[in-house]
């Protein structure tokens, strides 16, 4: 929900600098962190963006999906796009990301989505591969002010409920 904006931003700011540091040079990552670690208000209003929280209300993870390709209003029938996933570093590899993914998949399948696509950061490729995503090709994600980061375009049919290997670190 839009009222979760500050908490989602705080989670992104806690997660991305720590978890992405192993996959990106600091000189490349540092300028991209500002645009990446802000909650996307459009996603928060979408009804398809979720958070996982502890009993005390602390956010442990977030992520969602849209019909629109990130950065565009382009829609391809049957294709959904995973968006802005993050797990708090203290909760990584405990199933938080996987739980959010499963919610996204169930809701997307009910909405007629047959395939998910995601722009996986280099550090997240193993997570998505363990969920059954295949690498399609290397891409570059462009941010404002000429900032860009390498990533991987990944895809997964979501009609295949048993393709999840169960070994993904979250």
Protein backbone atom coordinates (compact mmCIF):
# COMPACT_ATOMS: atom_id res chain seq x y z
CA UNK A 1 0.00 0.00 0.00
CA UNK A 2 1.20 3.56 -0.53
CA UNK A 3 1.42 4.05 3.23
CA UNK A 4 4.17 1.38 3.28
CA UNK A 5 6.45 3.57 1.18
CA UNK A 6 8.85 4.60 3.97
CA UNK A 7 9.15 1.04 5.32
CA UNK A 8 9.72 -0.43 1.83
CA UNK A 9 12.34 2.24 1.10
CA UNK A 10 14.09 1.43 4.40
CA UNK A 11 14.08 -2.28 3.51
CA UNK A 12 15.51 -1.61 0.03
CA UNK A 13 18.19 0.62 1.57
CA UNK A 14 19.13 -2.12 4.03
CA UNK A 15 19.10 -4.89 1.43
CA UNK A 16 20.55 -3.74 -1.87
CA UNK A 17 23.87 -2.22 -0.73
CA UNK A 18 24.70 -5.36 1.28
CA UNK A 19 23.39 -8.15 -0.92
CA UNK A 20 24.44 -6.63 -4.25
CA UNK A 21 27.99 -5.76 -3.13
CA UNK A 22 29.34 -9.22 -3.94
CA UNK A 23 28.13 -9.04 -7.55
CA UNK A 24 28.92 -5.45 -8.54
CA UNK A 25 31.92 -3.16 -8.31
CA UNK A 26 31.36 -0.40 -5.77
CA UNK A 27 31.99 2.25 -8.45
CA UNK A 28 29.14 0.81 -10.56
CA UNK A 29 26.76 0.04 -7.70
CA UNK A 30 27.04 3.23 -5.64
CA UNK A 31 25.43 5.62 -8.16
CA UNK A 32 22.62 3.14 -8.91
CA UNK A 33 21.62 2.70 -5.27
CA UNK A 34 19.78 6.01 -4.97
CA UNK A 35 17.22 5.29 -7.71
CA UNK A 36 17.00 1.57 -6.86
CA UNK A 37 16.37 1.96 -3.14
CA UNK A 38 13.27 4.13 -3.35
CA UNK A 39 9.86 2.48 -3.09
CA UNK A 40 8.04 2.60 -6.42
CA UNK A 41 4.74 4.32 -5.68
CA UNK A 42 3.11 2.82 -8.77
CA UNK A 43 4.00 -0.68 -7.58
CA UNK A 44 2.71 0.06 -4.09
CA UNK A 45 -0.67 1.05 -5.59
CA UNK A 46 -0.78 -1.93 -8.00
CA UNK A 47 -2.40 -4.47 -5.68
CA UNK A 48 0.24 -6.99 -6.79
CA UNK A 49 3.14 -5.85 -4.60
CA UNK A 50 3.64 -7.64 -1.29
CA UNK A 51 5.62 -7.40 1.91
CA UNK A 52 6.56 -10.00 4.50
CA UNK A 53 6.85 -8.75 8.04
CA UNK A 54 7.82 -10.02 11.46
CA UNK A 55 5.36 -10.07 14.33
CA UNK A 56 6.64 -6.69 15.48
CA UNK A 57 5.87 -5.14 12.08
CA UNK A 58 9.46 -5.03 10.79
CA UNK A 59 9.61 -5.67 7.03
CA UNK A 60 11.60 -8.78 6.14
CA UNK A 61 11.07 -8.77 2.39
CA UNK A 62 9.13 -7.26 -0.48
CA UNK A 63 8.37 -7.91 -4.12
CA UNK A 64 5.60 -8.09 -6.65
CA UNK A 65 4.59 -8.39 -10.27
CA UNK A 66 2.93 -6.34 -13.00
CA UNK A 67 1.58 -6.97 -16.46
CA UNK A 68 3.60 -3.97 -17.71
CA UNK A 69 7.22 -4.45 -18.67
CA UNK A 70 9.41 -2.45 -16.24
CA UNK A 71 10.01 1.10 -17.41
CA UNK A 72 7.26 0.95 -20.03
CA UNK A 73 3.52 0.59 -20.38
CA UNK A 74 4.05 -2.33 -22.77
CA UNK A 75 1.93 -5.43 -22.04
CA UNK A 76 2.38 -8.82 -23.67
CA UNK A 77 -0.64 -11.10 -23.18
CA UNK A 78 0.07 -13.91 -20.72
CA UNK A 79 3.38 -12.45 -19.50
CA UNK A 80 3.92 -10.99 -16.04
CA UNK A 81 7.02 -9.21 -14.76
CA UNK A 82 8.53 -9.69 -11.31
CA UNK A 83 9.40 -6.36 -9.75
CA UNK A 84 11.54 -4.85 -7.01
CA UNK A 85 12.21 -7.95 -4.87
CA UNK A 86 14.35 -7.55 -1.76
CA UNK A 87 15.02 -9.42 1.47
CA UNK A 88 16.52 -7.87 4.58
CA UNK A 89 20.11 -9.18 4.84
CA UNK A 90 19.41 -10.58 8.31
CA UNK A 91 16.62 -12.70 6.83
CA UNK A 92 18.32 -13.83 3.61
CA UNK A 93 18.18 -17.56 2.85
CA UNK A 94 15.25 -18.15 5.24
CA UNK A 95 12.45 -18.49 2.69
CA UNK A 96 11.18 -14.90 2.74
CA UNK A 97 11.82 -14.25 -0.96
CA UNK A 98 10.46 -17.67 -1.90
CA UNK A 99 7.23 -17.02 0.06
CA UNK A 100 6.71 -13.69 -1.68
CA UNK A 101 7.43 -15.31 -5.04
CA UNK A 102 4.86 -18.05 -4.38
CA UNK A 103 2.23 -15.42 -3.57
CA UNK A 104 3.07 -13.57 -6.79
CA UNK A 105 2.89 -16.76 -8.82
CA UNK A 106 -0.46 -17.88 -7.38
CA UNK A 107 -2.04 -14.47 -7.94
CA UNK A 108 -0.58 -14.09 -11.43
CA UNK A 109 -1.73 -17.58 -12.45
CA UNK A 110 -5.26 -16.74 -11.22
CA UNK A 111 -5.10 -13.56 -13.34
CA UNK A 112 -4.27 -15.54 -16.50
CA UNK A 113 -0.50 -15.02 -16.53
CA UNK A 114 1.31 -18.00 -18.08
CA UNK A 115 4.93 -16.88 -17.86
CA UNK A 116 7.01 -14.67 -15.60
CA UNK A 117 9.89 -12.58 -16.79
CA UNK A 118 12.35 -10.75 -14.54
CA UNK A 119 15.36 -8.51 -14.81
CA UNK A 120 17.57 -10.31 -12.30
CA UNK A 121 20.45 -8.48 -10.70
CA UNK A 122 23.65 -10.50 -10.93
CA UNK A 123 23.46 -11.46 -7.26
CA UNK A 124 19.85 -12.71 -7.63
CA UNK A 125 20.40 -15.07 -10.57
CA UNK A 126 20.88 -18.14 -8.36
CA UNK A 127 17.69 -17.36 -6.43
CA UNK A 128 15.62 -17.14 -9.61
CA UNK A 129 17.32 -20.18 -11.18
CA UNK A 130 16.44 -22.24 -8.09
CA UNK A 131 12.81 -21.15 -8.57
CA UNK A 132 12.95 -22.61 -12.08
CA UNK A 133 13.78 -19.50 -14.10
CA UNK A 134 15.99 -19.86 -17.17
CA UNK A 135 18.55 -17.26 -18.19
CA UNK A 136 17.63 -15.73 -21.55
CA UNK A 137 20.32 -13.12 -22.14
CA UNK A 138 22.47 -10.49 -20.49
CA UNK A 139 20.86 -7.05 -20.35
CA UNK A 140 21.65 -3.62 -19.00
CA UNK A 141 19.23 -1.82 -16.71
CA UNK A 142 19.28 1.92 -17.32
CA UNK A 143 18.55 4.45 -14.59
CA UNK A 144 18.29 8.25 -14.80
CA UNK A 145 21.42 10.36 -15.27
CA UNK A 146 23.18 7.78 -17.44
CA UNK A 147 23.51 5.20 -14.67
CA UNK A 148 23.31 1.54 -15.69
CA UNK A 149 23.94 -1.92 -14.26
CA UNK A 150 24.34 -5.30 -15.96
CA UNK A 151 21.62 -7.84 -15.23
CA UNK A 152 20.11 -11.03 -16.64
CA UNK A 153 16.75 -11.40 -18.36
CA UNK A 154 15.19 -14.57 -16.94
CA UNK A 155 11.92 -16.38 -17.72
CA UNK A 156 9.79 -19.11 -16.20
CA UNK A 157 6.48 -20.65 -17.24
CA UNK A 158 4.22 -20.47 -14.20
CA UNK A 159 1.84 -23.17 -15.27
CA UNK A 160 4.46 -25.68 -14.13
CA UNK A 161 3.77 -25.81 -10.41
CA UNK A 162 6.44 -28.42 -9.62
CA UNK A 163 9.34 -26.79 -11.44
CA UNK A 164 10.51 -25.07 -8.22
CA UNK A 165 13.58 -27.03 -7.07
CA UNK A 166 13.20 -26.11 -3.41
CA UNK A 167 16.86 -25.12 -3.10
CA UNK A 168 16.68 -21.38 -3.60
CA UNK A 169 18.27 -19.13 -1.05
CA UNK A 170 15.75 -16.42 -0.26
